[in-house]
Amino acid sequence: MLARAGLLAYPADVVSIDVAPEKLGAYRVRGKLGEGGMATVYVGNGPDGSLRALKVIKTAYAENQEFCTMFLDEGKIASRLSHDNIVKIWSLGKEGNRLFMVMDLMRGHSLHALSWAAKERGVAIGPHVAAYVGSCMASALHHAHEAKDESGQPLQIIHRDVNPSNVLVSYDGDVKMIDFGLAKAVNRSSQTAAGILKGKIGYLSPEQVSGKPLDHRSDVFTLGITLWEVSLDRRLFKAETKVESLRLIHQAEVLDPRALEPEFPPLLANVIMRCLERDRDDRYPTAKETGWALREYLRIERPGVDMKAELAALMMRVFGDERAEQDAWLEKVATSRSTAPLNTLRPPVMTRGSFESLPPLAGTSEPPPISSLRGAPSSQSSQAPLSNPPSSIEPALPIVPRATASSPSRAVWMVLFVIALAGTVAALVMLVFRWLWG
């Protein structure tokens, strides 16, 4: 998992052996924000004294052409986007043999961290705030979908990785999307090989799982997953194995929010369920229309309410202590005269668990009746068989043969056949030997 650039939160269990550079281009490195497996994010002073987030490839991957190409693709795609709900990429550069990008510095946390921390601290995010965040995401996605190159030709960007980890929420209530590293665009240099699925398990569309050509409605589906999860405080397509998660997505049998929470706002439930239609022709045709539906819901349910201020208040209830710590650390970064980067800030919230640990259905030990699922047959059974997705897809893993819990896979049958055939041949050979020398 790459460090969340521009955000003062990061996986706390990752330790780097990289030595922090003194400078990256025109920026002096002042401290480390965080890191992931392949990149580290620092905060730096620009020539004008402003603080920026500096995302740099780790030394171990600096010579990896494939990763460098993906890194450059991310920067080039995101730098074409200028929107209030997308973290701005200011420039791309190279220091020595290491590529880096200069990004806006955002004080806050990811939606992923907010969801988990709110649950941990007994604070409900609620459907209204979830709808507001979703409307901001929809605006960002529509801007990306409609982006054009220098000649005015559509870039045909599809994010392909819409999930709570790629949404940043500031202490002031700003919502911004990040991480276009997996985005599909007509002019990107790196291409996805056949049979490889790009994206985060649990946050894919049925057409991604099926290996079909994608369009912007794939992002509408994954936006719907995020809306469903954040508003209900549950995981939607979380299973014990990755393959089972893919099967759930392929079927796209989604529980209506009102089946879990009878008081759930019907208007919002309808918006979410339309986003999550299995057939993309039944979804909202664009992210713009999705955003309009969410804003219309807020206009009806929360007339005259400043939802940005409401989100900022929620952030303070959940992260009040962390904000004071972050502000003090950044003040020290901005004023320090030391030439060496400061130690990494470690917000307490990111050391205590993750949204991944939320139960699929909080408070229940059994899944809901399958009849509660949209489009499911009326039945008293609590489970329904799920058909297998095409065997040609697998999320960046080796292709595996299809299998069900009740029948062996084709590979198993082939092995059994070969064993049986070998046994038959051996028996025939023994009979021939006995006849000749018996």
Protein backbone atom coordinates (compact mmCIF):
# COMPACT_ATOMS: atom_id res chain seq x y z
CA MET A 1 0.00 0.00 0.00
CA LEU A 2 1.48 3.33 -1.01
CA ALA A 3 1.67 6.11 1.51
CA ARG A 4 -1.28 8.45 1.28
CA ALA A 5 0.42 11.49 -0.15
CA GLY A 6 -0.54 14.83 1.29
CA LEU A 7 -2.19 13.25 4.34
CA LEU A 8 -0.74 13.26 7.83
CA ALA A 9 -1.58 9.60 8.46
CA TYR A 10 0.07 6.39 7.29
CA PRO A 11 0.57 2.68 8.10
CA ALA A 12 2.49 2.66 11.37
CA ASP A 13 4.09 -0.76 10.97
CA VAL A 14 6.18 0.08 7.89
CA VAL A 15 9.85 0.83 8.49
CA SER A 16 12.06 2.22 5.75
CA ILE A 17 15.78 1.72 5.26
CA ASP A 18 15.83 4.68 2.85
CA VAL A 19 17.85 7.69 3.94
CA ALA A 20 15.78 10.85 3.69
CA PRO A 21 17.08 13.15 0.95
CA GLU A 22 18.06 16.68 1.91
CA LYS A 23 16.19 18.10 -1.04
CA LEU A 24 13.92 17.10 -3.90
CA GLY A 25 14.20 19.55 -6.75
CA ALA A 26 13.60 23.05 -5.40
CA TYR A 27 12.10 21.70 -2.17
CA ARG A 28 14.06 21.16 1.03
CA VAL A 29 12.88 18.03 2.82
CA ARG A 30 11.75 18.91 6.35
CA GLY A 31 10.18 15.71 7.69
CA LYS A 32 8.63 12.40 6.76
CA LEU A 33 4.85 12.09 6.62
CA GLY A 34 4.72 8.36 6.02
CA GLU A 35 5.50 5.55 3.62
CA GLY A 36 4.27 2.44 1.91
CA GLY A 37 5.92 -0.45 0.16
CA MET A 38 7.21 1.46 -2.86
CA ALA A 39 7.11 5.17 -2.07
CA THR A 40 7.80 7.55 0.80
CA VAL A 41 6.05 10.87 1.42
CA TYR A 42 7.89 13.82 2.94
CA VAL A 43 6.88 17.37 3.74
CA GLY A 44 9.09 20.05 2.21
CA ASN A 45 9.58 23.80 2.08
CA GLY A 46 9.20 25.36 -1.34
CA PRO A 47 11.10 28.40 -2.61
CA ASP A 48 8.24 30.62 -1.40
CA GLY A 49 8.23 28.99 2.05
CA SER A 50 5.04 27.00 1.43
CA LEU A 51 4.76 23.42 2.70
CA ARG A 52 4.08 20.69 0.16
CA ALA A 53 3.82 16.90 0.23
CA LEU A 54 6.66 15.22 -1.69
CA LYS A 55 6.02 11.67 -2.86
CA VAL A 56 9.24 9.93 -3.91
CA ILE A 57 10.01 6.44 -5.18
CA LYS A 58 12.05 4.34 -2.78
CA THR A 59 15.63 3.60 -3.73
CA ALA A 60 14.92 -0.11 -4.17
CA TYR A 61 12.41 0.66 -6.94
CA ALA A 62 14.19 3.59 -8.58
CA GLU A 63 15.51 1.33 -11.35
CA ASN A 64 12.26 -0.61 -11.80
CA GLN A 65 11.06 0.58 -15.20
CA GLU A 66 7.52 -0.73 -14.81
CA PHE A 67 6.97 1.02 -11.50
CA CYS A 68 8.62 4.24 -12.70
CA THR A 69 6.30 4.27 -15.70
CA MET A 70 3.25 3.80 -13.47
CA PHE A 71 4.50 6.56 -11.18
CA LEU A 72 4.91 8.95 -14.11
CA ASP A 73 1.49 7.98 -15.47
CA GLU A 74 -0.10 8.81 -12.12
CA GLY A 75 1.59 12.20 -12.01
CA LYS A 76 0.80 13.06 -15.62
CA ILE A 77 -2.86 12.06 -15.32
CA ALA A 78 -3.44 13.81 -12.00
CA SER A 79 -1.57 16.95 -13.09
CA ARG A 80 -4.16 17.40 -15.86
CA LEU A 81 -6.88 17.61 -13.21
CA SER A 82 -7.71 20.83 -11.40
CA HIS A 83 -10.70 20.45 -9.10
CA ASP A 84 -11.59 21.35 -5.52
CA ASN A 85 -12.18 17.67 -4.72
CA ILE A 86 -8.90 16.30 -6.16
CA VAL A 87 -5.51 16.67 -4.50
CA LYS A 88 -3.47 18.88 -6.80
CA ILE A 89 -0.22 17.65 -8.35
CA TRP A 90 2.04 20.67 -8.79
CA SER A 91 4.95 19.10 -10.62
CA LEU A 92 6.98 15.99 -11.39
CA GLY A 93 10.73 15.83 -10.94
CA LYS A 94 13.78 13.65 -10.56
CA GLU A 95 16.48 13.87 -7.91
CA GLY A 96 19.40 11.61 -8.77
CA ASN A 97 17.74 8.45 -10.00
CA ARG A 98 14.56 8.87 -7.93
CA LEU A 99 11.33 10.26 -9.35
CA PHE A 100 9.13 12.44 -7.15
CA MET A 101 5.95 14.48 -7.38
CA VAL A 102 4.97 17.65 -5.54
CA MET A 103 1.45 17.60 -4.11
CA ASP A 104 -0.83 19.70 -1.97
CA LEU A 105 -0.40 19.10 1.75
CA MET A 106 -3.72 18.29 3.40
CA ARG A 107 -4.22 18.20 7.15
CA GLY A 108 -6.60 15.42 8.01
CA HIS A 109 -7.15 11.70 7.54
CA SER A 110 -8.46 9.29 4.96
CA LEU A 111 -12.13 8.33 4.87
CA HIS A 112 -10.90 4.83 5.71
CA ALA A 113 -9.32 6.10 8.95
CA LEU A 114 -12.32 8.28 9.77
CA SER A 115 -14.71 5.33 9.38
CA TRP A 116 -12.70 3.11 11.68
CA ALA A 117 -11.87 5.76 14.28
CA ALA A 118 -15.48 6.97 14.46
CA LYS A 119 -16.67 3.43 15.16
CA GLU A 120 -13.90 2.89 17.72
CA ARG A 121 -14.88 6.07 19.55
CA GLY A 122 -18.63 5.55 19.39
CA VAL A 123 -19.30 8.40 16.96
CA ALA A 124 -21.74 7.80 14.11
CA ILE A 125 -20.87 9.20 10.69
CA GLY A 126 -24.47 8.90 9.60
CA PRO A 127 -26.11 8.86 6.18
CA HIS A 128 -26.17 12.66 5.73
CA VAL A 129 -22.41 13.09 6.09
CA ALA A 130 -21.84 9.99 3.96
CA ALA A 131 -24.04 11.50 1.24
CA TYR A 132 -22.09 14.76 1.38
CA VAL A 133 -18.75 12.96 1.07
CA GLY A 134 -20.20 10.90 -1.79
CA SER A 135 -21.37 14.04 -3.61
CA CYS A 136 -17.84 15.45 -3.41
CA MET A 137 -16.39 12.19 -4.72
CA ALA A 138 -18.90 12.21 -7.58
CA SER A 139 -17.88 15.76 -8.53
CA ALA A 140 -14.21 14.74 -8.55
CA LEU A 141 -14.89 11.65 -10.65
CA HIS A 142 -17.00 13.58 -13.16
CA HIS A 143 -14.20 16.11 -13.58
CA ALA A 144 -11.71 13.29 -14.21
CA HIS A 145 -14.08 11.50 -16.59
CA GLU A 146 -14.54 14.66 -18.67
CA ALA A 147 -10.86 15.74 -18.70
CA LYS A 148 -9.19 16.51 -22.04
CA ASP A 149 -5.60 16.69 -23.23
CA GLU A 150 -3.81 19.74 -24.66
CA SER A 151 -5.45 19.26 -28.04
CA GLY A 152 -8.94 19.01 -26.59
CA GLN A 153 -9.25 15.24 -26.99
CA PRO A 154 -10.96 13.30 -24.16
CA LEU A 155 -8.52 11.49 -21.90
CA GLN A 156 -11.21 8.90 -21.07
CA ILE A 157 -9.97 8.57 -17.49
CA ILE A 158 -11.44 5.82 -15.33
CA HIS A 159 -10.13 5.83 -11.75
CA ARG A 160 -10.49 2.05 -11.19
CA ASP A 161 -9.51 2.34 -7.52
CA VAL A 162 -12.35 4.23 -5.81
CA ASN A 163 -12.37 3.22 -2.14
CA PRO A 164 -12.28 4.91 1.31
CA SER A 165 -8.46 4.83 1.45
CA ASN A 166 -8.27 7.06 -1.63
CA VAL A 167 -10.48 9.78 -0.21
CA LEU A 168 -8.96 12.40 2.10
CA VAL A 169 -10.96 14.44 4.57
CA SER A 170 -9.44 17.57 6.06
CA TYR A 171 -10.11 18.99 9.51
CA ASP A 172 -11.92 21.86 7.78
CA GLY A 173 -14.33 19.51 6.04
CA ASP A 174 -12.69 19.42 2.60
CA VAL A 175 -12.99 16.17 0.66
CA LYS A 176 -10.37 15.28 -1.95
CA MET A 177 -9.64 12.18 -4.01
CA ILE A 178 -6.13 10.86 -4.58
CA ASP A 179 -4.18 8.01 -6.16
CA PHE A 180 -4.73 7.92 -9.90
CA GLY A 181 -1.94 5.37 -10.16
CA LEU A 182 -4.35 2.72 -11.47
CA ALA A 183 -6.42 5.11 -13.57
CA LYS A 184 -7.12 4.03 -17.12
CA ALA A 185 -6.52 6.74 -19.73
CA VAL A 186 -5.91 6.83 -23.45
CA ASN A 187 -2.40 8.28 -23.16
CA ARG A 188 -0.92 6.34 -20.29
CA SER A 189 2.31 4.50 -21.06
CA SER A 190 1.80 1.40 -18.92
CA GLN A 191 -0.91 -1.05 -19.90
CA THR A 192 -2.71 -3.75 -17.93
CA ALA A 193 -1.86 -7.23 -19.16
CA ALA A 194 -4.68 -9.57 -20.11
CA GLY A 195 -5.93 -11.63 -17.17
CA ILE A 196 -4.71 -9.12 -14.58
CA LEU A 197 -7.24 -7.18 -12.53
CA LYS A 198 -6.27 -3.74 -11.22
CA GLY A 199 -7.91 -2.41 -8.07
CA LYS A 200 -8.51 -3.22 -4.43
CA ILE A 201 -10.36 -6.42 -3.59
CA GLY A 202 -13.81 -5.52 -2.28
CA TYR A 203 -13.93 -2.30 -4.31
CA LEU A 204 -14.36 -3.52 -7.87
CA SER A 205 -17.26 -3.43 -10.30
CA PRO A 206 -18.83 -6.59 -11.77
CA GLU A 207 -17.42 -5.68 -15.18
CA GLN A 208 -13.92 -5.37 -13.70
CA VAL A 209 -14.28 -8.84 -12.22
CA SER A 210 -15.65 -10.20 -15.51
CA GLY A 211 -12.80 -8.71 -17.53
CA LYS A 212 -15.14 -6.62 -19.70
CA PRO A 213 -14.16 -3.27 -21.23
CA LEU A 214 -14.71 -0.51 -18.69
CA ASP A 215 -16.40 2.85 -18.89
CA HIS A 216 -17.15 5.58 -16.36
CA ARG A 217 -20.04 3.63 -14.85
CA SER A 218 -17.50 1.28 -13.25
CA ASP A 219 -16.45 4.17 -10.99
CA VAL A 220 -20.14 4.85 -10.24
CA PHE A 221 -20.46 1.29 -8.90
CA THR A 222 -17.39 1.54 -6.66
CA LEU A 223 -18.60 4.94 -5.44
CA GLY A 224 -21.79 3.11 -4.47
CA ILE A 225 -19.78 0.55 -2.51
CA THR A 226 -18.10 3.35 -0.54
CA LEU A 227 -21.45 5.07 0.11
CA TRP A 228 -23.06 1.81 1.30
CA GLU A 229 -20.18 1.00 3.65
CA VAL A 230 -19.64 4.44 5.16
CA SER A 231 -23.34 5.14 5.74
CA LEU A 232 -23.98 1.70 7.28
CA ASP A 233 -20.60 1.20 9.02
CA ARG A 234 -20.25 -2.28 7.48
CA ARG A 235 -18.27 -3.97 4.71
CA LEU A 236 -20.25 -4.94 1.62
CA PHE A 237 -18.16 -7.43 -0.39
CA LYS A 238 -15.85 -8.68 2.36
CA ALA A 239 -15.39 -12.46 2.40
CA GLU A 240 -12.92 -14.92 3.92
CA THR A 241 -10.97 -15.27 0.68
CA LYS A 242 -10.22 -13.01 -2.27
CA VAL A 243 -11.82 -15.45 -4.68
CA GLU A 244 -15.03 -15.48 -2.65
CA SER A 245 -15.03 -11.68 -2.54
CA LEU A 246 -14.78 -11.66 -6.33
CA ARG A 247 -17.74 -14.03 -6.58
CA LEU A 248 -19.83 -11.74 -4.38
CA ILE A 249 -18.99 -8.77 -6.59
CA HIS A 250 -19.69 -10.76 -9.75
CA GLN A 251 -23.18 -11.58 -8.45
CA ALA A 252 -23.69 -8.04 -7.06
CA GLU A 253 -26.54 -9.14 -4.82
CA VAL A 254 -26.67 -6.11 -2.56
CA LEU A 255 -28.67 -5.80 0.63
CA ASP A 256 -30.90 -2.74 0.64
CA PRO A 257 -29.78 -0.43 3.50
CA ARG A 258 -33.35 -0.35 4.81
CA ALA A 259 -33.21 -4.10 5.42
CA LEU A 260 -30.41 -3.45 7.93
CA GLU A 261 -31.62 -0.13 9.32
CA PRO A 262 -35.37 0.41 8.94
CA GLU A 263 -34.93 4.15 9.62
CA PHE A 264 -32.42 4.55 6.80
CA PRO A 265 -33.48 7.45 4.53
CA PRO A 266 -35.37 5.96 1.56
CA LEU A 267 -34.13 8.59 -0.90
CA LEU A 268 -30.49 7.85 -0.11
CA ALA A 269 -31.13 4.10 -0.18
CA ASN A 270 -32.54 4.46 -3.69
CA VAL A 271 -29.47 6.42 -4.84
CA ILE A 272 -27.08 3.84 -3.40
CA MET A 273 -28.95 0.89 -4.82
CA ARG A 274 -29.02 2.44 -8.29
CA CYS A 275 -25.25 2.95 -8.15
CA LEU A 276 -24.89 -0.73 -7.24
CA GLU A 277 -26.94 -2.21 -10.05
CA ARG A 278 -25.17 -5.21 -11.55
CA ASP A 279 -26.11 -4.18 -15.09
CA ARG A 280 -24.30 -0.92 -15.74
CA ASP A 281 -27.09 0.21 -18.06
CA ASP A 282 -29.30 0.41 -14.96
CA ARG A 283 -26.89 2.63 -13.00
CA TYR A 284 -26.58 6.39 -13.18
CA PRO A 285 -25.02 7.02 -16.59
CA THR A 286 -22.50 9.53 -15.22
CA ALA A 287 -20.87 10.54 -11.96
CA LYS A 288 -22.39 13.98 -12.51
CA GLU A 289 -25.93 12.58 -12.28
CA THR A 290 -24.90 10.56 -9.22
CA GLY A 291 -23.67 13.72 -7.53
CA TRP A 292 -26.84 15.59 -8.47
CA ALA A 293 -28.98 12.83 -6.88
CA LEU A 294 -26.95 12.99 -3.66
CA ARG A 295 -27.16 16.77 -3.47
CA GLU A 296 -30.91 16.61 -4.12
CA TYR A 297 -31.22 14.18 -1.21
CA LEU A 298 -29.34 16.62 1.04
CA ARG A 299 -31.47 19.54 -0.18
CA ILE A 300 -34.61 17.66 0.87
CA GLU A 301 -33.35 16.05 4.08
CA ARG A 302 -30.95 18.77 5.30
CA PRO A 303 -32.23 22.06 3.85
CA GLY A 304 -29.98 25.02 4.57
CA VAL A 305 -27.41 22.94 6.50
CA ASP A 306 -23.71 23.60 5.84
CA MET A 307 -22.59 20.01 5.32
CA LYS A 308 -18.93 20.96 5.04
CA ALA A 309 -19.13 22.49 8.52
CA GLU A 310 -20.93 19.38 9.76
CA LEU A 311 -18.16 17.18 8.40
CA ALA A 312 -15.52 19.45 9.99
CA ALA A 313 -17.32 19.13 13.34
CA LEU A 314 -17.31 15.34 12.98
CA MET A 315 -13.57 15.39 12.26
CA MET A 316 -12.96 17.41 15.43
CA ARG A 317 -15.06 15.03 17.54
CA VAL A 318 -13.09 12.06 16.24
CA PHE A 319 -9.62 13.54 15.76
CA GLY A 320 -9.42 16.57 18.06
CA ASP A 321 -6.28 15.41 19.85
CA GLU A 322 -4.57 14.32 16.64
CA ARG A 323 -5.18 17.71 15.04
CA ALA A 324 -3.37 19.51 17.84
CA GLU A 325 -0.46 17.09 17.50
CA GLN A 326 -0.32 17.48 13.72
CA ASP A 327 -0.47 21.29 13.89
CA ALA A 328 2.34 21.40 16.45
CA TRP A 329 4.48 19.04 14.35
CA LEU A 330 3.96 21.06 11.18
CA GLU A 331 4.78 24.29 13.00
CA LYS A 332 8.03 22.69 14.12
CA VAL A 333 8.69 21.51 10.54
CA ALA A 334 8.10 24.98 9.13
CA THR A 335 10.33 26.79 11.62
CA SER A 336 13.11 24.27 12.30
CA ARG A 337 16.61 25.43 11.39
CA SER A 338 17.96 21.88 11.39
CA THR A 339 19.30 20.60 8.06
CA ALA A 340 18.20 17.05 8.84
CA PRO A 341 14.54 16.01 8.39
CA LEU A 342 12.53 15.69 11.59
CA ASN A 343 11.21 12.41 12.90
CA THR A 344 7.97 11.09 11.44
CA LEU A 345 4.72 12.18 13.04
CA ARG A 346 2.75 9.14 14.14
CA PRO A 347 -0.91 9.99 14.74
CA PRO A 348 -2.30 7.59 17.39
CA VAL A 349 -5.34 6.67 15.33
CA MET A 350 -3.32 4.87 12.67
CA THR A 351 -1.65 2.56 15.20
CA ARG A 352 -4.85 0.99 16.45
CA GLY A 353 -6.52 -1.06 13.76
CA SER A 354 -8.26 -0.53 10.46
CA PHE A 355 -11.60 -0.32 8.69
CA GLU A 356 -10.82 -3.78 7.30
CA SER A 357 -11.71 -5.27 10.69
CA LEU A 358 -15.31 -4.06 10.63
CA PRO A 359 -17.75 -6.97 10.57
CA PRO A 360 -19.79 -7.49 7.40
CA LEU A 361 -22.98 -7.19 9.42
CA ALA A 362 -22.36 -5.67 12.82
CA GLY A 363 -24.33 -7.21 15.64
CA THR A 364 -25.35 -10.36 13.77
CA SER A 365 -23.77 -13.77 13.63
CA GLU A 366 -25.69 -14.98 10.58
CA PRO A 367 -26.10 -13.42 7.14
CA PRO A 368 -29.51 -11.87 6.37
CA PRO A 369 -32.07 -13.88 4.40
CA ILE A 370 -31.23 -13.92 0.72
CA SER A 371 -34.74 -12.64 0.01
CA SER A 372 -33.63 -9.27 1.42
CA LEU A 373 -31.22 -8.88 -1.47
CA ARG A 374 -32.22 -6.83 -4.48
CA GLY A 375 -33.32 -9.10 -7.31
CA ALA A 376 -33.03 -12.29 -5.25
CA PRO A 377 -35.80 -14.92 -5.47
CA SER A 378 -38.32 -15.05 -2.66
CA SER A 379 -37.17 -17.89 -0.44
CA GLN A 380 -36.77 -18.89 3.19
CA SER A 381 -33.24 -20.02 2.54
CA SER A 382 -30.48 -17.97 4.17
CA GLN A 383 -28.06 -18.67 1.35
CA ALA A 384 -28.22 -18.95 -2.42
CA PRO A 385 -25.64 -20.55 -4.71
CA LEU A 386 -23.41 -18.05 -6.48
CA SER A 387 -22.30 -18.70 -10.02
CA ASN A 388 -18.59 -18.55 -10.74
CA PRO A 389 -17.08 -15.49 -12.40
CA PRO A 390 -15.04 -16.13 -15.55
CA SER A 391 -11.84 -17.99 -14.70
CA SER A 392 -9.75 -15.55 -16.71
CA ILE A 393 -9.77 -12.87 -14.04
CA GLU A 394 -7.84 -12.63 -10.80
CA PRO A 395 -6.62 -9.52 -8.95
CA ALA A 396 -2.95 -9.34 -9.95
CA LEU A 397 -2.54 -12.96 -8.89
CA PRO A 398 -1.84 -16.11 -10.92
CA ILE A 399 -4.93 -17.43 -12.70
CA VAL A 400 -6.58 -20.17 -10.68
CA PRO A 401 -9.07 -22.77 -11.95
CA ARG A 402 -12.66 -22.31 -10.94
CA ALA A 403 -13.88 -24.40 -8.06
CA THR A 404 -16.91 -24.68 -5.80
CA ALA A 405 -17.21 -25.93 -2.26
CA SER A 406 -19.16 -28.98 -3.40
CA SER A 407 -17.23 -30.17 -6.46
CA PRO A 408 -13.55 -30.61 -7.37
CA SER A 409 -11.99 -28.19 -9.84
CA ARG A 410 -11.08 -29.22 -13.39
CA ALA A 411 -7.43 -29.45 -12.34
CA VAL A 412 -8.32 -31.92 -9.56
CA TRP A 413 -10.32 -34.06 -11.99
CA MET A 414 -7.39 -34.07 -14.41
CA VAL A 415 -5.00 -35.24 -11.68
CA LEU A 416 -7.40 -38.02 -10.66
CA PHE A 417 -7.80 -39.07 -14.29
CA VAL A 418 -4.03 -39.24 -14.82
CA ILE A 419 -3.58 -41.30 -11.63
CA ALA A 420 -6.34 -43.70 -12.67
CA LEU A 421 -4.89 -44.01 -16.18
CA ALA A 422 -1.41 -44.70 -14.80
CA GLY A 423 -2.82 -47.38 -12.52
CA THR A 424 -4.62 -49.05 -15.42
CA VAL A 425 -1.49 -49.05 -17.56
CA ALA A 426 0.56 -50.52 -14.69
CA ALA A 427 -2.00 -53.30 -14.22
CA LEU A 428 -1.93 -54.16 -17.94
CA VAL A 429 1.87 -54.29 -17.93
CA MET A 430 1.82 -56.68 -14.97
CA LEU A 431 -0.67 -58.96 -16.76
CA VAL A 432 1.52 -59.03 -19.90
CA PHE A 433 4.60 -59.89 -17.81
CA ARG A 434 2.79 -62.73 -16.07
CA TRP A 435 1.52 -64.12 -19.40
CA LEU A 436 4.98 -64.02 -21.01
CA TRP A 437 6.98 -65.37 -18.06
CA GLY A 438 4.32 -67.04 -16.00
